[in-house]
Amino acid sequence: MRRVQSNKLLMSKWTAVTPVNKEKHFLVTRLNLLLIELEAVYTQHKINLPLQDLADASQWRQGWH
């Protein structure tokens, strides 16, 4: 697990390791205390997930790859 800095998280870019429905690239669009909102670049679909999930390298990679 890697460390994610919440102060630099807003509008950061993330890549899903296992894309679903062509949703691979995401932007962080909203921050809450424990949850973040990710928006898929291709479909504009929004998902909410716990902040610590981004630290899991088997699910997410920082940047667009």
PDB file of N, CA and C in Angstrom:
ATOM      1  N   MET A   1       0.840  -1.179   0.000  1.00  0.00           N
ATOM      2  CA  MET A   1       0.000   0.000   0.000  1.00  0.00           C
ATOM      3  C   MET A   1       0.885   1.242   0.000  1.00  0.00           C
ATOM      4  N   ARG A   2       0.519   2.198  -0.840  1.00  0.00           N
ATOM      5  CA  ARG A   2       1.261   3.455  -0.857  1.00  0.00           C
ATOM      6  C   ARG A   2       0.456   4.521  -0.122  1.00  0.00           C
ATOM      7  N   ARG A   3       1.105   5.591   0.228  1.00  0.00           N
ATOM      8  CA  ARG A   3       0.475   6.683   0.962  1.00  0.00           C
ATOM      9  C   ARG A   3      -0.105   7.691  -0.033  1.00  0.00           C
ATOM     10  N   VAL A   4      -1.332   8.154   0.217  1.00  0.00           N
ATOM     11  CA  VAL A   4      -1.995   9.135  -0.639  1.00  0.00           C
ATOM     12  C   VAL A   4      -2.126  10.430   0.144  1.00  0.00           C
ATOM     13  N   GLN A   5      -1.623  11.533  -0.419  1.00  0.00           N
ATOM     14  CA  GLN A   5      -1.691  12.826   0.249  1.00  0.00           C
ATOM     15  C   GLN A   5      -3.003  13.507  -0.109  1.00  0.00           C
ATOM     16  N   SER A   6      -3.880  13.671   0.875  1.00  0.00           N
ATOM     17  CA  SER A   6      -5.216  14.221   0.608  1.00  0.00           C
ATOM     18  C   SER A   6      -5.176  15.691   0.210  1.00  0.00           C
ATOM     19  N   ASN A   7      -4.153  16.446   0.602  1.00  0.00           N
ATOM     20  CA  ASN A   7      -4.093  17.866   0.249  1.00  0.00           C
ATOM     21  C   ASN A   7      -3.788  18.086  -1.236  1.00  0.00           C
ATOM     22  N   LYS A   8      -3.284  17.082  -1.938  1.00  0.00           N
ATOM     23  CA  LYS A   8      -2.980  17.196  -3.363  1.00  0.00           C
ATOM     24  C   LYS A   8      -3.901  16.314  -4.212  1.00  0.00           C
ATOM     25  N   LEU A   9      -4.975  15.841  -3.636  1.00  0.00           N
ATOM     26  CA  LEU A   9      -5.822  14.844  -4.284  1.00  0.00           C
ATOM     27  C   LEU A   9      -6.848  15.419  -5.251  1.00  0.00           C
ATOM     28  N   LEU A  10      -7.390  16.597  -4.965  1.00  0.00           N
ATOM     29  CA  LEU A  10      -8.436  17.167  -5.803  1.00  0.00           C
ATOM     30  C   LEU A  10      -7.932  17.395  -7.224  1.00  0.00           C
ATOM     31  N   MET A  11      -8.690  16.905  -8.206  1.00  0.00           N
ATOM     32  CA  MET A  11      -8.400  16.993  -9.640  1.00  0.00           C
ATOM     33  C   MET A  11      -7.166  16.175 -10.054  1.00  0.00           C
ATOM     34  N   SER A  12      -6.744  15.252  -9.200  1.00  0.00           N
ATOM     35  CA  SER A  12      -5.645  14.371  -9.578  1.00  0.00           C
ATOM     36  C   SER A  12      -6.159  13.274 -10.504  1.00  0.00           C
ATOM     37  N   LYS A  13      -5.271  12.696 -11.284  1.00  0.00           N
ATOM     38  CA  LYS A  13      -5.623  11.700 -12.293  1.00  0.00           C
ATOM     39  C   LYS A  13      -5.285  10.306 -11.790  1.00  0.00           C
ATOM     40  N   TRP A  14      -6.191   9.342 -12.065  1.00  0.00           N
ATOM     41  CA  TRP A  14      -6.009   7.966 -11.631  1.00  0.00           C
ATOM     42  C   TRP A  14      -6.404   7.009 -12.740  1.00  0.00           C
ATOM     43  N   THR A  15      -5.752   5.859 -12.777  1.00  0.00           N
ATOM     44  CA  THR A  15      -6.049   4.812 -13.745  1.00  0.00           C
ATOM     45  C   THR A  15      -6.476   3.561 -13.009  1.00  0.00           C
ATOM     46  N   ALA A  16      -7.609   3.006 -13.422  1.00  0.00           N
ATOM     47  CA  ALA A  16      -8.076   1.745 -12.850  1.00  0.00           C
ATOM     48  C   ALA A  16      -7.230   0.613 -13.421  1.00  0.00           C
ATOM     49  N   VAL A  17      -6.721  -0.255 -12.574  1.00  0.00           N
ATOM     50  CA  VAL A  17      -5.922  -1.394 -13.026  1.00  0.00           C
ATOM     51  C   VAL A  17      -6.784  -2.350 -13.840  1.00  0.00           C
ATOM     52  N   THR A  18      -8.026  -2.551 -13.420  1.00  0.00           N
ATOM     53  CA  THR A  18      -8.961  -3.419 -14.128  1.00  0.00           C
ATOM     54  C   THR A  18     -10.166  -2.580 -14.569  1.00  0.00           C
ATOM     55  N   PRO A  19     -10.141  -2.023 -15.781  1.00  0.00           N
ATOM     56  CA  PRO A  19     -11.243  -1.172 -16.247  1.00  0.00           C
ATOM     57  C   PRO A  19     -12.548  -1.956 -16.416  1.00  0.00           C
ATOM     58  N   VAL A  20     -13.655  -1.276 -16.164  1.00  0.00           N
ATOM     59  CA  VAL A  20     -14.987  -1.839 -16.351  1.00  0.00           C
ATOM     60  C   VAL A  20     -15.771  -0.871 -17.235  1.00  0.00           C
ATOM     61  N   ASN A  21     -16.420  -1.379 -18.280  1.00  0.00           N
ATOM     62  CA  ASN A  21     -17.220  -0.561 -19.204  1.00  0.00           C
ATOM     63  C   ASN A  21     -16.427   0.583 -19.822  1.00  0.00           C
ATOM     64  N   LYS A  22     -15.199   0.315 -20.216  1.00  0.00           N
ATOM     65  CA  LYS A  22     -14.305   1.306 -20.834  1.00  0.00           C
ATOM     66  C   LYS A  22     -13.973   2.462 -19.895  1.00  0.00           C
ATOM     67  N   GLU A  23     -14.224   2.289 -18.606  1.00  0.00           N
ATOM     68  CA  GLU A  23     -13.903   3.323 -17.629  1.00  0.00           C
ATOM     69  C   GLU A  23     -12.541   2.997 -17.027  1.00  0.00           C
ATOM     70  N   LYS A  24     -11.530   3.640 -17.552  1.00  0.00           N
ATOM     71  CA  LYS A  24     -10.159   3.372 -17.126  1.00  0.00           C
ATOM     72  C   LYS A  24      -9.544   4.603 -16.459  1.00  0.00           C
ATOM     73  N   HIS A  25      -9.760   5.777 -17.039  1.00  0.00           N
ATOM     74  CA  HIS A  25      -9.163   7.010 -16.536  1.00  0.00           C
ATOM     75  C   HIS A  25     -10.184   7.819 -15.749  1.00  0.00           C
ATOM     76  N   PHE A  26      -9.742   8.290 -14.583  1.00  0.00           N
ATOM     77  CA  PHE A  26     -10.624   9.004 -13.669  1.00  0.00           C
ATOM     78  C   PHE A  26      -9.957  10.269 -13.143  1.00  0.00           C
ATOM     79  N   LEU A  27     -10.788  11.241 -12.763  1.00  0.00           N
ATOM     80  CA  LEU A  27     -10.358  12.447 -12.061  1.00  0.00           C
ATOM     81  C   LEU A  27     -11.044  12.479 -10.705  1.00  0.00           C
ATOM     82  N   VAL A  28     -10.319  12.924  -9.687  1.00  0.00           N
ATOM     83  CA  VAL A  28     -10.927  13.128  -8.374  1.00  0.00           C
ATOM     84  C   VAL A  28     -11.661  14.462  -8.436  1.00  0.00           C
ATOM     85  N   THR A  29     -12.980  14.440  -8.277  1.00  0.00           N
ATOM     86  CA  THR A  29     -13.773  15.659  -8.412  1.00  0.00           C
ATOM     87  C   THR A  29     -14.302  16.201  -7.086  1.00  0.00           C
ATOM     88  N   ARG A  30     -14.314  15.373  -6.051  1.00  0.00           N
ATOM     89  CA  ARG A  30     -14.821  15.829  -4.759  1.00  0.00           C
ATOM     90  C   ARG A  30     -14.148  15.051  -3.646  1.00  0.00           C
ATOM     91  N   LEU A  31     -13.876  15.758  -2.553  1.00  0.00           N
ATOM     92  CA  LEU A  31     -13.267  15.138  -1.378  1.00  0.00           C
ATOM     93  C   LEU A  31     -14.188  15.302  -0.184  1.00  0.00           C
ATOM     94  N   ASN A  32     -14.313  14.250   0.572  1.00  0.00           N
ATOM     95  CA  ASN A  32     -15.020  14.282   1.835  1.00  0.00           C
ATOM     96  C   ASN A  32     -14.010  13.813   2.882  1.00  0.00           C
ATOM     97  N   LEU A  33     -14.395  13.747   4.110  1.00  0.00           N
ATOM     98  CA  LEU A  33     -13.461  13.349   5.153  1.00  0.00           C
ATOM     99  C   LEU A  33     -12.893  11.957   4.907  1.00  0.00           C
ATOM    100  N   LEU A  34     -13.720  10.994   4.570  1.00  0.00           N
ATOM    101  CA  LEU A  34     -13.262   9.627   4.346  1.00  0.00           C
ATOM    102  C   LEU A  34     -13.563   9.100   2.949  1.00  0.00           C
ATOM    103  N   LEU A  35     -14.382   9.829   2.176  1.00  0.00           N
ATOM    104  CA  LEU A  35     -14.762   9.373   0.841  1.00  0.00           C
ATOM    105  C   LEU A  35     -14.257  10.335  -0.222  1.00  0.00           C
ATOM    106  N   ILE A  36     -14.027   9.795  -1.414  1.00  0.00           N
ATOM    107  CA  ILE A  36     -13.692  10.627  -2.562  1.00  0.00           C
ATOM    108  C   ILE A  36     -14.670  10.311  -3.683  1.00  0.00           C
ATOM    109  N   GLU A  37     -14.848  11.265  -4.574  1.00  0.00           N
ATOM    110  CA  GLU A  37     -15.679  11.043  -5.747  1.00  0.00           C
ATOM    111  C   GLU A  37     -14.767  11.046  -6.967  1.00  0.00           C
ATOM    112  N   LEU A  38     -14.830   9.967  -7.736  1.00  0.00           N
ATOM    113  CA  LEU A  38     -14.065   9.849  -8.969  1.00  0.00           C
ATOM    114  C   LEU A  38     -15.020   9.952 -10.141  1.00  0.00           C
ATOM    115  N   GLU A  39     -14.609  10.675 -11.177  1.00  0.00           N
ATOM    116  CA  GLU A  39     -15.417  10.790 -12.386  1.00  0.00           C
ATOM    117  C   GLU A  39     -14.652  10.188 -13.551  1.00  0.00           C
ATOM    118  N   ALA A  40     -15.295   9.257 -14.248  1.00  0.00           N
ATOM    119  CA  ALA A  40     -14.679   8.627 -15.406  1.00  0.00           C
ATOM    120  C   ALA A  40     -14.569   9.652 -16.532  1.00  0.00           C
ATOM    121  N   VAL A  41     -13.418   9.734 -17.160  1.00  0.00           N
ATOM    122  CA  VAL A  41     -13.184  10.711 -18.216  1.00  0.00           C
ATOM    123  C   VAL A  41     -14.017  10.380 -19.452  1.00  0.00           C
ATOM    124  N   TYR A  42     -14.117   9.123 -19.801  1.00  0.00           N
ATOM    125  CA  TYR A  42     -14.793   8.690 -21.021  1.00  0.00           C
ATOM    126  C   TYR A  42     -16.315   8.781 -20.920  1.00  0.00           C
ATOM    127  N   THR A  43     -16.884   8.365 -19.797  1.00  0.00           N
ATOM    128  CA  THR A  43     -18.344   8.289 -19.663  1.00  0.00           C
ATOM    129  C   THR A  43     -18.940   9.318 -18.703  1.00  0.00           C
ATOM    130  N   GLN A  44     -18.127  10.031 -17.944  1.00  0.00           N
ATOM    131  CA  GLN A  44     -18.554  10.982 -16.910  1.00  0.00           C
ATOM    132  C   GLN A  44     -19.350  10.317 -15.794  1.00  0.00           C
ATOM    133  N   HIS A  45     -19.252   8.987 -15.686  1.00  0.00           N
ATOM    134  CA  HIS A  45     -19.893   8.248 -14.596  1.00  0.00           C
ATOM    135  C   HIS A  45     -19.127   8.547 -13.305  1.00  0.00           C
ATOM    136  N   LYS A  46     -19.847   8.795 -12.226  1.00  0.00           N
ATOM    137  CA  LYS A  46     -19.209   9.124 -10.947  1.00  0.00           C
ATOM    138  C   LYS A  46     -19.342   7.961  -9.982  1.00  0.00           C
ATOM    139  N   ILE A  47     -18.258   7.716  -9.253  1.00  0.00           N
ATOM    140  CA  ILE A  47     -18.268   6.685  -8.220  1.00  0.00           C
ATOM    141  C   ILE A  47     -17.691   7.266  -6.940  1.00  0.00           C
ATOM    142  N   ASN A  48     -18.169   6.783  -5.822  1.00  0.00           N
ATOM    143  CA  ASN A  48     -17.649   7.164  -4.513  1.00  0.00           C
ATOM    144  C   ASN A  48     -16.964   5.956  -3.913  1.00  0.00           C
ATOM    145  N   LEU A  49     -15.804   6.201  -3.317  1.00  0.00           N
ATOM    146  CA  LEU A  49     -15.116   5.113  -2.644  1.00  0.00           C
ATOM    147  C   LEU A  49     -14.269   5.651  -1.512  1.00  0.00           C
ATOM    148  N   PRO A  50     -13.916   4.797  -0.564  1.00  0.00           N
ATOM    149  CA  PRO A  50     -13.093   5.229   0.556  1.00  0.00           C
ATOM    150  C   PRO A  50     -11.717   5.695   0.082  1.00  0.00           C
ATOM    151  N   LEU A  51     -11.196   6.687   0.746  1.00  0.00           N
ATOM    152  CA  LEU A  51      -9.901   7.260   0.395  1.00  0.00           C
ATOM    153  C   LEU A  51      -8.790   6.218   0.393  1.00  0.00           C
ATOM    154  N   GLN A  52      -8.822   5.283   1.317  1.00  0.00           N
ATOM    155  CA  GLN A  52      -7.749   4.292   1.408  1.00  0.00           C
ATOM    156  C   GLN A  52      -7.732   3.332   0.224  1.00  0.00           C
ATOM    157  N   ASP A  53      -8.820   3.236  -0.550  1.00  0.00           N
ATOM    158  CA  ASP A  53      -8.827   2.364  -1.727  1.00  0.00           C
ATOM    159  C   ASP A  53      -7.835   2.835  -2.794  1.00  0.00           C
ATOM    160  N   LEU A  54      -7.593   4.139  -2.888  1.00  0.00           N
ATOM    161  CA  LEU A  54      -6.617   4.634  -3.862  1.00  0.00           C
ATOM    162  C   LEU A  54      -5.197   4.211  -3.519  1.00  0.00           C
ATOM    163  N   ALA A  55      -4.947   3.899  -2.277  1.00  0.00           N
ATOM    164  CA  ALA A  55      -3.613   3.476  -1.866  1.00  0.00           C
ATOM    165  C   ALA A  55      -3.313   2.035  -2.264  1.00  0.00           C
ATOM    166  N   ASP A  56      -4.321   1.301  -2.691  1.00  0.00           N
ATOM    167  CA  ASP A  56      -4.151  -0.096  -3.081  1.00  0.00           C
ATOM    168  C   ASP A  56      -3.663  -0.169  -4.528  1.00  0.00           C
ATOM    169  N   ALA A  57      -2.401  -0.499  -4.717  1.00  0.00           N
ATOM    170  CA  ALA A  57      -1.785  -0.536  -6.047  1.00  0.00           C
ATOM    171  C   ALA A  57      -2.349  -1.638  -6.934  1.00  0.00           C
ATOM    172  N   SER A  58      -3.045  -2.604  -6.354  1.00  0.00           N
ATOM    173  CA  SER A  58      -3.650  -3.651  -7.181  1.00  0.00           C
ATOM    174  C   SER A  58      -4.956  -3.180  -7.826  1.00  0.00           C
ATOM    175  N   GLN A  59      -5.486  -2.021  -7.387  1.00  0.00           N
ATOM    176  CA  GLN A  59      -6.729  -1.484  -7.936  1.00  0.00           C
ATOM    177  C   GLN A  59      -6.532  -0.184  -8.714  1.00  0.00           C
ATOM    178  N   TRP A  60      -5.629   0.688  -8.237  1.00  0.00           N
ATOM    179  CA  TRP A  60      -5.478   2.028  -8.799  1.00  0.00           C
ATOM    180  C   TRP A  60      -4.010   2.383  -8.993  1.00  0.00           C
ATOM    181  N   ARG A  61      -3.747   3.129 -10.079  1.00  0.00           N
ATOM    182  CA  ARG A  61      -2.419   3.686 -10.336  1.00  0.00           C
ATOM    183  C   ARG A  61      -2.566   5.181 -10.486  1.00  0.00           C
ATOM    184  N   GLN A  62      -1.657   5.932  -9.875  1.00  0.00           N
ATOM    185  CA  GLN A  62      -1.726   7.380  -9.970  1.00  0.00           C
ATOM    186  C   GLN A  62      -1.269   7.839 -11.347  1.00  0.00           C
ATOM    187  N   GLY A  63      -1.977   8.783 -11.938  1.00  0.00           N
ATOM    188  CA  GLY A  63      -1.690   9.267 -13.275  1.00  0.00           C
ATOM    189  C   GLY A  63      -2.466   8.471 -14.302  1.00  0.00           C
ATOM    190  N   TRP A  64      -2.340   8.862 -15.567  1.00  0.00           N
ATOM    191  CA  TRP A  64      -3.018   8.142 -16.651  1.00  0.00           C
ATOM    192  C   TRP A  64      -2.014   7.308 -17.390  1.00  0.00           C
ATOM    193  N   HIS A  65      -2.225   6.013 -17.394  1.00  0.00           N
ATOM    194  CA  HIS A  65      -1.293   5.066 -18.028  1.00  0.00           C
ATOM    195  C   HIS A  65      -1.962   4.363 -19.173  1.00  0.00           C
TER     196      HIS A  65
END
